[in-house]
Amino acid sequence: MELRHLRYFQAVAGEGSFTRAAARLHIAQPPLSRQIRQLEDELGVVLFERGSRALKLTEAGRFLLEQSLQLTQRLDEIVQGTRRLGRTKRRWFGMGFVPSTLYGFVPELIRRLREADPHVEVGLAEMTTLPQIEALKAGRIDVGIGRILIDDPAIERRVLMAEPLVAALPLGHPLARSRRIGIAELAEQPFVLYPARPRPNYADHVLGLFRAAGHAPRVIQEANELQTAIGLVAAGLGVTLVPASVQRLHRADVAHVPVDADSFVSPVIISCRKDDRSPFLADAIRLAVELAGAQDPHAGHGCTAA
């Protein structure tokens, strides 16, 4: 499959007609029809319901359109960013981050890095820890801030802090006014687990904490996003565990109760490529350590300021 196949497919889907799509693309209709047939043959599915009326997408076609639009939009952004950097001669520094870290020191880190050097453009990517590792190795980002330790010989890691976890409960829950909640009590509640994928992720960390304490949460719903999980808690589906900094959301329909267990914490971890010794990266790591208030200068497995 080539990119032009997707562009042609999107044009036909958008116009609802091979004739109008061909005119928009400035090509003849027969070659366009052949390109779409080739795409269908390669995928092994029918993408359009061809009838006497306007073309309609099949279920497979609707799925491909939604996913391919995201792909080509991201590609367009990459192309524009590449051109911009080429014109300005600026260096690009990619940073991946887990969304939940935005309630702590990470926004200040981003702000200071963006102001640190006029010759460096800081690009931001929201992603969980596992995709961060893959993006680091592929060179798509230069530093990642996540919440689980993943061993990889090509990656250095450093634990910046251990953030306490708190239980998020519906405001009217019987335990919502408790000073602390025990692990056994928490395990008995219907539990909203997040993120659902990709694994391993923060959800596996939470499940591991329960297992280590001899309990298993009663998972009744999984969510992909932190905000979704909190919304489901507010709706009364169950409870969940969130980093303490998430309380800064100040949601009026959710109560936060500390967990009565010192082990229920979530690390904030900075990761980088083992062979990357760029000065800007070193400055970024030093700043992250400072802002996170890491107490142990030797914590983690590297990512020291080089």
C-alpha atoms as a PDB file:
ATOM      1  CA  MET A   1       0.000   0.000   0.000  1.00  0.00           C
ATOM      2  CA  GLU A   2       1.303   3.425  -0.933  1.00  0.00           C
ATOM      3  CA  LEU A   3       0.385   6.818   0.459  1.00  0.00           C
ATOM      4  CA  ARG A   4      -1.256   7.819  -2.830  1.00  0.00           C
ATOM      5  CA  HIS A   5      -3.718   4.938  -2.438  1.00  0.00           C
ATOM      6  CA  LEU A   6      -4.882   6.424   0.851  1.00  0.00           C
ATOM      7  CA  ARG A   7      -5.070   9.933  -0.614  1.00  0.00           C
ATOM      8  CA  TYR A   8      -7.173   8.643  -3.534  1.00  0.00           C
ATOM      9  CA  PHE A   9      -9.411   6.647  -1.210  1.00  0.00           C
ATOM     10  CA  GLN A  10      -9.976   9.666   1.041  1.00  0.00           C
ATOM     11  CA  ALA A  11     -10.879  11.823  -1.973  1.00  0.00           C
ATOM     12  CA  VAL A  12     -13.450   9.313  -3.263  1.00  0.00           C
ATOM     13  CA  ALA A  13     -14.907   8.866   0.225  1.00  0.00           C
ATOM     14  CA  GLY A  14     -15.088  12.626   0.729  1.00  0.00           C
ATOM     15  CA  GLU A  15     -16.734  13.336  -2.628  1.00  0.00           C
ATOM     16  CA  GLY A  16     -18.980  10.259  -2.684  1.00  0.00           C
ATOM     17  CA  SER A  17     -18.228   9.948  -6.384  1.00  0.00           C
ATOM     18  CA  PHE A  18     -15.377   8.704  -8.564  1.00  0.00           C
ATOM     19  CA  THR A  19     -16.101  11.461 -11.110  1.00  0.00           C
ATOM     20  CA  ARG A  20     -15.916  14.325  -8.628  1.00  0.00           C
ATOM     21  CA  ALA A  21     -12.894  12.787  -6.866  1.00  0.00           C
ATOM     22  CA  ALA A  22     -11.050  12.430 -10.193  1.00  0.00           C
ATOM     23  CA  ALA A  23     -11.719  16.089 -11.000  1.00  0.00           C
ATOM     24  CA  ARG A  24     -10.486  17.124  -7.550  1.00  0.00           C
ATOM     25  CA  LEU A  25      -7.323  15.052  -7.972  1.00  0.00           C
ATOM     26  CA  HIS A  26      -6.802  16.208 -11.582  1.00  0.00           C
ATOM     27  CA  ILE A  27      -6.654  12.664 -12.938  1.00  0.00           C
ATOM     28  CA  ALA A  28      -8.926  10.635 -15.218  1.00  0.00           C
ATOM     29  CA  GLN A  29     -11.653   8.510 -13.663  1.00  0.00           C
ATOM     30  CA  PRO A  30     -10.583   5.058 -15.001  1.00  0.00           C
ATOM     31  CA  PRO A  31      -7.075   5.199 -13.419  1.00  0.00           C
ATOM     32  CA  LEU A  32      -8.618   6.374 -10.150  1.00  0.00           C
ATOM     33  CA  SER A  33     -11.061   3.451 -10.164  1.00  0.00           C
ATOM     34  CA  ARG A  34      -8.176   1.057 -10.812  1.00  0.00           C
ATOM     35  CA  GLN A  35      -6.204   2.488  -7.881  1.00  0.00           C
ATOM     36  CA  ILE A  36      -9.150   1.931  -5.527  1.00  0.00           C
ATOM     37  CA  ARG A  37      -9.599  -1.618  -6.850  1.00  0.00           C
ATOM     38  CA  GLN A  38      -5.900  -2.277  -6.228  1.00  0.00           C
ATOM     39  CA  LEU A  39      -6.282  -1.007  -2.658  1.00  0.00           C
ATOM     40  CA  GLU A  40      -9.306  -3.254  -2.083  1.00  0.00           C
ATOM     41  CA  ASP A  41      -7.486  -6.252  -3.579  1.00  0.00           C
ATOM     42  CA  GLU A  42      -4.465  -5.647  -1.360  1.00  0.00           C
ATOM     43  CA  LEU A  43      -6.598  -5.314   1.770  1.00  0.00           C
ATOM     44  CA  GLY A  44      -8.885  -8.172   0.790  1.00  0.00           C
ATOM     45  CA  VAL A  45     -12.025  -6.155   1.604  1.00  0.00           C
ATOM     46  CA  VAL A  46     -14.628  -4.064  -0.233  1.00  0.00           C
ATOM     47  CA  LEU A  47     -14.386  -0.410   0.761  1.00  0.00           C
ATOM     48  CA  PHE A  48     -17.348   1.029  -1.173  1.00  0.00           C
ATOM     49  CA  GLU A  49     -20.891  -0.137  -1.823  1.00  0.00           C
ATOM     50  CA  ARG A  50     -21.177   0.521  -5.548  1.00  0.00           C
ATOM     51  CA  GLY A  51     -24.736   1.123  -6.691  1.00  0.00           C
ATOM     52  CA  SER A  52     -26.803   3.410  -8.834  1.00  0.00           C
ATOM     53  CA  ARG A  53     -26.801   6.102  -6.172  1.00  0.00           C
ATOM     54  CA  ALA A  54     -23.873   7.874  -4.514  1.00  0.00           C
ATOM     55  CA  LEU A  55     -21.061   5.695  -3.277  1.00  0.00           C
ATOM     56  CA  LYS A  56     -21.361   4.521   0.307  1.00  0.00           C
ATOM     57  CA  LEU A  57     -18.565   3.288   2.520  1.00  0.00           C
ATOM     58  CA  THR A  58     -18.729  -0.231   3.899  1.00  0.00           C
ATOM     59  CA  GLU A  59     -17.957  -0.854   7.575  1.00  0.00           C
ATOM     60  CA  ALA A  60     -14.377  -1.664   6.579  1.00  0.00           C
ATOM     61  CA  GLY A  61     -14.282   1.518   4.492  1.00  0.00           C
ATOM     62  CA  ARG A  62     -15.509   3.681   7.365  1.00  0.00           C
ATOM     63  CA  PHE A  63     -12.838   2.224   9.632  1.00  0.00           C
ATOM     64  CA  LEU A  64     -10.084   2.807   7.063  1.00  0.00           C
ATOM     65  CA  LEU A  65     -11.250   6.374   6.446  1.00  0.00           C
ATOM     66  CA  GLU A  66     -11.205   7.270  10.143  1.00  0.00           C
ATOM     67  CA  GLN A  67      -7.789   5.717  10.757  1.00  0.00           C
ATOM     68  CA  SER A  68      -6.167   6.916   7.538  1.00  0.00           C
ATOM     69  CA  LEU A  69      -7.280  10.521   8.106  1.00  0.00           C
ATOM     70  CA  GLN A  70      -5.486  10.469  11.461  1.00  0.00           C
ATOM     71  CA  LEU A  71      -2.399   9.015   9.755  1.00  0.00           C
ATOM     72  CA  THR A  72      -2.271  11.532   6.906  1.00  0.00           C
ATOM     73  CA  GLN A  73      -3.020  14.433   9.245  1.00  0.00           C
ATOM     74  CA  ARG A  74      -0.069  13.402  11.402  1.00  0.00           C
ATOM     75  CA  LEU A  75       2.085  13.040   8.289  1.00  0.00           C
ATOM     76  CA  ASP A  76       1.102  16.544   7.155  1.00  0.00           C
ATOM     77  CA  GLU A  77       2.081  17.895  10.576  1.00  0.00           C
ATOM     78  CA  ILE A  78       5.461  16.151  10.304  1.00  0.00           C
ATOM     79  CA  VAL A  79       6.042  17.601   6.838  1.00  0.00           C
ATOM     80  CA  GLN A  80       5.131  21.116   7.991  1.00  0.00           C
ATOM     81  CA  GLY A  81       7.340  20.783  11.068  1.00  0.00           C
ATOM     82  CA  THR A  82      10.245  19.545   8.946  1.00  0.00           C
ATOM     83  CA  ARG A  83       9.903  22.486   6.568  1.00  0.00           C
ATOM     84  CA  ARG A  84       9.657  24.945   9.445  1.00  0.00           C
ATOM     85  CA  LEU A  85      12.793  23.589  11.083  1.00  0.00           C
ATOM     86  CA  GLY A  86      14.606  23.598   7.760  1.00  0.00           C
ATOM     87  CA  ARG A  87      13.751  27.256   7.189  1.00  0.00           C
ATOM     88  CA  THR A  88      14.707  28.391  10.677  1.00  0.00           C
ATOM     89  CA  LYS A  89      17.731  26.103  11.130  1.00  0.00           C
ATOM     90  CA  ARG A  90      16.402  25.199  14.576  1.00  0.00           C
ATOM     91  CA  ARG A  91      17.082  21.890  16.291  1.00  0.00           C
ATOM     92  CA  TRP A  92      14.106  19.724  17.236  1.00  0.00           C
ATOM     93  CA  PHE A  93      13.904  18.147  20.707  1.00  0.00           C
ATOM     94  CA  GLY A  94      11.091  15.641  21.191  1.00  0.00           C
ATOM     95  CA  MET A  95       9.502  15.006  24.587  1.00  0.00           C
ATOM     96  CA  GLY A  96       6.955  12.288  25.346  1.00  0.00           C
ATOM     97  CA  PHE A  97       4.903  12.360  28.515  1.00  0.00           C
ATOM     98  CA  VAL A  98       2.202  10.405  30.317  1.00  0.00           C
ATOM     99  CA  PRO A  99      -0.893  12.641  30.617  1.00  0.00           C
ATOM    100  CA  SER A 100      -1.187  12.195  34.402  1.00  0.00           C
ATOM    101  CA  THR A 101       2.198  13.901  34.894  1.00  0.00           C
ATOM    102  CA  LEU A 102       0.695  17.176  33.628  1.00  0.00           C
ATOM    103  CA  TYR A 103      -0.843  17.702  37.076  1.00  0.00           C
ATOM    104  CA  GLY A 104       2.606  17.868  38.673  1.00  0.00           C
ATOM    105  CA  PHE A 105       5.894  19.507  37.710  1.00  0.00           C
ATOM    106  CA  VAL A 106       5.848  18.646  33.989  1.00  0.00           C
ATOM    107  CA  PRO A 107       4.039  21.803  32.748  1.00  0.00           C
ATOM    108  CA  GLU A 108       6.734  23.955  34.381  1.00  0.00           C
ATOM    109  CA  LEU A 109       9.407  21.704  32.865  1.00  0.00           C
ATOM    110  CA  ILE A 110       7.874  22.155  29.407  1.00  0.00           C
ATOM    111  CA  ARG A 111       7.628  25.922  29.846  1.00  0.00           C
ATOM    112  CA  ARG A 112      11.256  26.278  30.953  1.00  0.00           C
ATOM    113  CA  LEU A 113      12.584  24.010  28.196  1.00  0.00           C
ATOM    114  CA  ARG A 114      10.702  25.958  25.530  1.00  0.00           C
ATOM    115  CA  GLU A 115      12.329  29.153  26.814  1.00  0.00           C
ATOM    116  CA  ALA A 116      15.795  27.645  27.344  1.00  0.00           C
ATOM    117  CA  ASP A 117      17.291  27.969  23.864  1.00  0.00           C
ATOM    118  CA  PRO A 118      15.920  29.950  20.887  1.00  0.00           C
ATOM    119  CA  HIS A 119      17.684  27.522  18.539  1.00  0.00           C
ATOM    120  CA  VAL A 120      15.783  24.473  19.886  1.00  0.00           C
ATOM    121  CA  GLU A 121      12.117  23.725  19.189  1.00  0.00           C
ATOM    122  CA  VAL A 122      10.557  21.457  21.815  1.00  0.00           C
ATOM    123  CA  GLY A 123       8.024  19.062  20.309  1.00  0.00           C
ATOM    124  CA  LEU A 124       5.491  17.394  22.615  1.00  0.00           C
ATOM    125  CA  ALA A 125       3.857  13.971  22.320  1.00  0.00           C
ATOM    126  CA  GLU A 126       1.276  12.529  24.713  1.00  0.00           C
ATOM    127  CA  MET A 127       2.017   8.817  25.105  1.00  0.00           C
ATOM    128  CA  THR A 128       2.174   6.098  27.746  1.00  0.00           C
ATOM    129  CA  THR A 129       5.488   4.607  28.837  1.00  0.00           C
ATOM    130  CA  LEU A 130       5.753   1.656  26.432  1.00  0.00           C
ATOM    131  CA  PRO A 131       5.262   3.782  23.288  1.00  0.00           C
ATOM    132  CA  GLN A 132       7.787   6.236  24.754  1.00  0.00           C
ATOM    133  CA  ILE A 133      10.451   3.524  24.786  1.00  0.00           C
ATOM    134  CA  GLU A 134       9.695   2.622  21.175  1.00  0.00           C
ATOM    135  CA  ALA A 135       9.717   6.295  20.160  1.00  0.00           C
ATOM    136  CA  LEU A 136      13.046   6.879  21.919  1.00  0.00           C
ATOM    137  CA  LYS A 137      14.707   3.990  20.118  1.00  0.00           C
ATOM    138  CA  ALA A 138      13.275   5.129  16.787  1.00  0.00           C
ATOM    139  CA  GLY A 139      14.508   8.696  17.397  1.00  0.00           C
ATOM    140  CA  ARG A 140      11.010  10.220  17.314  1.00  0.00           C
ATOM    141  CA  ILE A 141      11.500  11.687  20.793  1.00  0.00           C
ATOM    142  CA  ASP A 142      14.595  12.487  22.860  1.00  0.00           C
ATOM    143  CA  VAL A 143      13.223  12.153  26.372  1.00  0.00           C
ATOM    144  CA  GLY A 144      10.206  10.471  27.926  1.00  0.00           C
ATOM    145  CA  ILE A 145       8.433  10.945  31.250  1.00  0.00           C
ATOM    146  CA  GLY A 146       6.413   7.912  32.290  1.00  0.00           C
ATOM    147  CA  ARG A 147       5.220   5.904  35.250  1.00  0.00           C
ATOM    148  CA  ILE A 148       6.474   2.325  34.836  1.00  0.00           C
ATOM    149  CA  LEU A 149       9.974   0.872  34.686  1.00  0.00           C
ATOM    150  CA  ILE A 150      10.632  -0.964  31.426  1.00  0.00           C
ATOM    151  CA  ASP A 151      14.012  -2.656  31.071  1.00  0.00           C
ATOM    152  CA  ASP A 152      15.646  -2.088  27.707  1.00  0.00           C
ATOM    153  CA  PRO A 153      19.401  -2.160  27.106  1.00  0.00           C
ATOM    154  CA  ALA A 154      19.187   0.842  24.784  1.00  0.00           C
ATOM    155  CA  ILE A 155      17.398   3.045  27.317  1.00  0.00           C
ATOM    156  CA  GLU A 156      18.574   4.765  30.502  1.00  0.00           C
ATOM    157  CA  ARG A 157      16.048   5.573  33.222  1.00  0.00           C
ATOM    158  CA  ARG A 158      15.926   7.647  36.365  1.00  0.00           C
ATOM    159  CA  VAL A 159      13.203   7.711  39.014  1.00  0.00           C
ATOM    160  CA  LEU A 160      12.455  11.364  39.701  1.00  0.00           C
ATOM    161  CA  MET A 161       9.931  10.875  42.480  1.00  0.00           C
ATOM    162  CA  ALA A 162       7.472   8.416  44.042  1.00  0.00           C
ATOM    163  CA  GLU A 163       4.049  10.020  44.026  1.00  0.00           C
ATOM    164  CA  PRO A 164       1.436   8.779  46.539  1.00  0.00           C
ATOM    165  CA  LEU A 165      -1.744   7.291  45.094  1.00  0.00           C
ATOM    166  CA  VAL A 166      -5.175   8.306  46.329  1.00  0.00           C
ATOM    167  CA  ALA A 167      -8.550   6.660  45.865  1.00  0.00           C
ATOM    168  CA  ALA A 168     -11.000   8.576  43.694  1.00  0.00           C
ATOM    169  CA  LEU A 169     -14.599   7.894  44.759  1.00  0.00           C
ATOM    170  CA  PRO A 170     -18.046   9.235  43.817  1.00  0.00           C
ATOM    171  CA  LEU A 171     -18.911  12.148  46.078  1.00  0.00           C
ATOM    172  CA  GLY A 172     -21.833  10.268  47.644  1.00  0.00           C
ATOM    173  CA  HIS A 173     -19.859   7.077  48.314  1.00  0.00           C
ATOM    174  CA  PRO A 174     -19.975   5.851  51.959  1.00  0.00           C
ATOM    175  CA  LEU A 175     -16.154   6.002  52.122  1.00  0.00           C
ATOM    176  CA  ALA A 176     -15.870   9.450  50.552  1.00  0.00           C
ATOM    177  CA  ARG A 177     -15.540  11.179  53.949  1.00  0.00           C
ATOM    178  CA  SER A 178     -12.984   8.714  55.332  1.00  0.00           C
ATOM    179  CA  ARG A 179      -9.602  10.044  56.436  1.00  0.00           C
ATOM    180  CA  ARG A 180      -7.883   7.012  54.865  1.00  0.00           C
ATOM    181  CA  ILE A 181      -9.008   3.885  53.044  1.00  0.00           C
ATOM    182  CA  GLY A 182      -7.471   0.443  53.587  1.00  0.00           C
ATOM    183  CA  ILE A 183      -6.360  -1.849  50.766  1.00  0.00           C
ATOM    184  CA  ALA A 184      -8.891  -4.542  51.713  1.00  0.00           C
ATOM    185  CA  GLU A 185     -11.719  -1.978  51.674  1.00  0.00           C
ATOM    186  CA  LEU A 186     -10.528  -0.632  48.341  1.00  0.00           C
ATOM    187  CA  ALA A 187     -10.332  -4.119  46.809  1.00  0.00           C
ATOM    188  CA  GLU A 188     -13.972  -4.757  47.703  1.00  0.00           C
ATOM    189  CA  GLN A 189     -15.209  -1.769  45.670  1.00  0.00           C
ATOM    190  CA  PRO A 190     -16.125  -1.965  41.968  1.00  0.00           C
ATOM    191  CA  PHE A 191     -12.945  -0.709  40.304  1.00  0.00           C
ATOM    192  CA  VAL A 192     -12.387   1.350  37.146  1.00  0.00           C
ATOM    193  CA  LEU A 193      -8.991   0.392  35.673  1.00  0.00           C
ATOM    194  CA  TYR A 194      -7.020   2.586  33.273  1.00  0.00           C
ATOM    195  CA  PRO A 195      -5.398   2.785  30.832  1.00  0.00           C
ATOM    196  CA  ALA A 196      -6.714  -0.294  29.025  1.00  0.00           C
ATOM    197  CA  ARG A 197      -3.953  -0.332  26.387  1.00  0.00           C
ATOM    198  CA  PRO A 198      -1.209  -0.570  25.305  1.00  0.00           C
ATOM    199  CA  ARG A 199       0.146  -2.878  28.002  1.00  0.00           C
ATOM    200  CA  PRO A 200       2.223  -2.941  30.133  1.00  0.00           C
ATOM    201  CA  ASN A 201       1.240   0.411  31.624  1.00  0.00           C
ATOM    202  CA  TYR A 202       0.051   2.165  34.786  1.00  0.00           C
ATOM    203  CA  ALA A 203      -2.849  -0.312  35.071  1.00  0.00           C
ATOM    204  CA  ASP A 204      -0.380  -3.184  35.481  1.00  0.00           C
ATOM    205  CA  HIS A 205       1.460  -1.194  38.135  1.00  0.00           C
ATOM    206  CA  VAL A 206      -1.792  -0.746  40.088  1.00  0.00           C
ATOM    207  CA  LEU A 207      -2.696  -4.431  39.757  1.00  0.00           C
ATOM    208  CA  GLY A 208       0.812  -5.324  40.950  1.00  0.00           C
ATOM    209  CA  LEU A 209       0.413  -3.172  44.073  1.00  0.00           C
ATOM    210  CA  PHE A 210      -2.797  -4.982  44.959  1.00  0.00           C
ATOM    211  CA  ARG A 211      -1.220  -8.405  44.329  1.00  0.00           C
ATOM    212  CA  ALA A 212       1.769  -7.547  46.524  1.00  0.00           C
ATOM    213  CA  ALA A 213      -0.661  -6.672  49.328  1.00  0.00           C
ATOM    214  CA  GLY A 214      -2.523  -9.977  48.905  1.00  0.00           C
ATOM    215  CA  HIS A 215      -5.616  -8.535  47.246  1.00  0.00           C
ATOM    216  CA  ALA A 216      -7.139  -8.178  43.791  1.00  0.00           C
ATOM    217  CA  PRO A 217      -9.382  -5.278  42.769  1.00  0.00           C
ATOM    218  CA  ARG A 218     -12.864  -6.099  41.452  1.00  0.00           C
ATOM    219  CA  VAL A 219     -12.473  -4.552  37.977  1.00  0.00           C
ATOM    220  CA  ILE A 220     -15.859  -3.774  36.423  1.00  0.00           C
ATOM    221  CA  GLN A 221     -14.796  -1.303  33.752  1.00  0.00           C
ATOM    222  CA  GLU A 222     -11.653  -0.368  31.808  1.00  0.00           C
ATOM    223  CA  ALA A 223     -10.954   3.066  30.338  1.00  0.00           C
ATOM    224  CA  ASN A 224      -8.215   4.321  28.046  1.00  0.00           C
ATOM    225  CA  GLU A 225      -7.851   7.794  29.520  1.00  0.00           C
ATOM    226  CA  LEU A 226      -7.452   9.164  33.045  1.00  0.00           C
ATOM    227  CA  GLN A 227     -10.176  11.746  32.467  1.00  0.00           C
ATOM    228  CA  THR A 228     -12.542   9.017  31.252  1.00  0.00           C
ATOM    229  CA  ALA A 229     -11.858   6.920  34.354  1.00  0.00           C
ATOM    230  CA  ILE A 230     -12.558   9.892  36.630  1.00  0.00           C
ATOM    231  CA  GLY A 231     -15.746  10.656  34.710  1.00  0.00           C
ATOM    232  CA  LEU A 232     -16.915   7.060  35.199  1.00  0.00           C
ATOM    233  CA  VAL A 233     -16.157   7.354  38.908  1.00  0.00           C
ATOM    234  CA  ALA A 234     -18.246  10.539  39.064  1.00  0.00           C
ATOM    235  CA  ALA A 235     -21.042   8.648  37.306  1.00  0.00           C
ATOM    236  CA  GLY A 236     -21.045   6.116  40.145  1.00  0.00           C
ATOM    237  CA  LEU A 237     -19.632   3.108  38.280  1.00  0.00           C
ATOM    238  CA  GLY A 238     -16.910   2.500  40.824  1.00  0.00           C
ATOM    239  CA  VAL A 239     -13.659   3.804  42.284  1.00  0.00           C
ATOM    240  CA  THR A 240     -10.144   4.135  40.914  1.00  0.00           C
ATOM    241  CA  LEU A 241      -6.602   5.032  41.968  1.00  0.00           C
ATOM    242  CA  VAL A 242      -4.987   8.250  40.766  1.00  0.00           C
ATOM    243  CA  PRO A 243      -1.707  10.038  41.506  1.00  0.00           C
ATOM    244  CA  ALA A 244      -2.161  12.581  44.310  1.00  0.00           C
ATOM    245  CA  SER A 245      -1.423  15.514  41.980  1.00  0.00           C
ATOM    246  CA  VAL A 246      -4.644  14.765  40.056  1.00  0.00           C
ATOM    247  CA  GLN A 247      -6.534  16.329  42.972  1.00  0.00           C
ATOM    248  CA  ARG A 248      -5.584  19.679  41.443  1.00  0.00           C
ATOM    249  CA  LEU A 249      -8.483  19.133  39.033  1.00  0.00           C
ATOM    250  CA  HIS A 250     -10.794  20.096  41.927  1.00  0.00           C
ATOM    251  CA  ARG A 251     -13.758  18.144  40.556  1.00  0.00           C
ATOM    252  CA  ALA A 252     -16.802  18.834  42.711  1.00  0.00           C
ATOM    253  CA  ASP A 253     -18.332  15.416  41.981  1.00  0.00           C
ATOM    254  CA  VAL A 254     -15.331  13.281  43.012  1.00  0.00           C
ATOM    255  CA  ALA A 255     -13.775  12.741  46.453  1.00  0.00           C
ATOM    256  CA  HIS A 256     -10.118  11.793  46.980  1.00  0.00           C
ATOM    257  CA  VAL A 257      -9.096   9.675  49.957  1.00  0.00           C
ATOM    258  CA  PRO A 258      -5.486   8.705  50.826  1.00  0.00           C
ATOM    259  CA  VAL A 259      -4.685   4.983  50.768  1.00  0.00           C
ATOM    260  CA  ASP A 260      -3.580   3.508  54.087  1.00  0.00           C
ATOM    261  CA  ALA A 261      -0.442   1.879  52.625  1.00  0.00           C
ATOM    262  CA  ASP A 262       2.972   3.466  52.088  1.00  0.00           C
ATOM    263  CA  SER A 263       3.623   1.096  49.180  1.00  0.00           C
ATOM    264  CA  PHE A 264       0.780   2.552  47.098  1.00  0.00           C
ATOM    265  CA  VAL A 265       2.845   5.049  45.130  1.00  0.00           C
ATOM    266  CA  SER A 266       3.458   5.718  41.467  1.00  0.00           C
ATOM    267  CA  PRO A 267       6.984   6.540  40.313  1.00  0.00           C
ATOM    268  CA  VAL A 268       7.621   9.335  37.837  1.00  0.00           C
ATOM    269  CA  ILE A 269      10.437   8.182  35.580  1.00  0.00           C
ATOM    270  CA  ILE A 270      12.511  10.024  32.998  1.00  0.00           C
ATOM    271  CA  SER A 271      13.954   7.968  30.139  1.00  0.00           C
ATOM    272  CA  CYS A 272      16.443   8.708  27.383  1.00  0.00           C
ATOM    273  CA  ARG A 273      18.631   6.892  24.875  1.00  0.00           C
ATOM    274  CA  LYS A 274      21.751   5.438  26.447  1.00  0.00           C
ATOM    275  CA  ASP A 275      24.042   6.918  23.785  1.00  0.00           C
ATOM    276  CA  ASP A 276      22.527  10.417  23.773  1.00  0.00           C
ATOM    277  CA  ARG A 277      24.870  12.899  25.432  1.00  0.00           C
ATOM    278  CA  SER A 278      23.567  16.135  23.932  1.00  0.00           C
ATOM    279  CA  PRO A 279      23.959  19.225  26.140  1.00  0.00           C
ATOM    280  CA  PHE A 280      20.289  20.176  25.794  1.00  0.00           C
ATOM    281  CA  LEU A 281      19.203  16.716  26.997  1.00  0.00           C
ATOM    282  CA  ALA A 282      21.569  16.968  29.953  1.00  0.00           C
ATOM    283  CA  ASP A 283      20.083  20.343  30.862  1.00  0.00           C
ATOM    284  CA  ALA A 284      16.562  18.938  30.512  1.00  0.00           C
ATOM    285  CA  ILE A 285      17.339  16.075  32.874  1.00  0.00           C
ATOM    286  CA  ARG A 286      18.943  18.385  35.439  1.00  0.00           C
ATOM    287  CA  LEU A 287      15.891  20.631  35.305  1.00  0.00           C
ATOM    288  CA  ALA A 288      13.499  17.672  35.659  1.00  0.00           C
ATOM    289  CA  VAL A 289      15.392  16.455  38.723  1.00  0.00           C
ATOM    290  CA  GLU A 290      15.283  19.935  40.234  1.00  0.00           C
ATOM    291  CA  LEU A 291      11.577  20.469  39.603  1.00  0.00           C
ATOM    292  CA  ALA A 292      10.568  16.991  40.724  1.00  0.00           C
ATOM    293  CA  GLY A 293      12.545  17.408  43.920  1.00  0.00           C
ATOM    294  CA  ALA A 294      14.261  14.028  43.530  1.00  0.00           C
ATOM    295  CA  GLN A 295      15.958  13.357  46.861  1.00  0.00           C
ATOM    296  CA  ASP A 296      18.321  10.627  45.748  1.00  0.00           C
ATOM    297  CA  PRO A 297      20.793  11.837  43.108  1.00  0.00           C
ATOM    298  CA  HIS A 298      21.617   8.217  42.271  1.00  0.00           C
ATOM    299  CA  ALA A 299      18.031   7.019  41.878  1.00  0.00           C
ATOM    300  CA  GLY A 300      17.130   4.936  38.850  1.00  0.00           C
ATOM    301  CA  HIS A 301      19.442   3.516  36.218  1.00  0.00           C
ATOM    302  CA  GLY A 302      21.117   6.425  34.507  1.00  0.00           C
ATOM    303  CA  CYS A 303      19.796   9.423  32.581  1.00  0.00           C
ATOM    304  CA  THR A 304      22.224  11.458  34.663  1.00  0.00           C
ATOM    305  CA  ALA A 305      23.244  14.875  33.510  1.00  0.00           C
ATOM    306  CA  ALA A 306      26.174  14.189  31.226  1.00  0.00           C
END
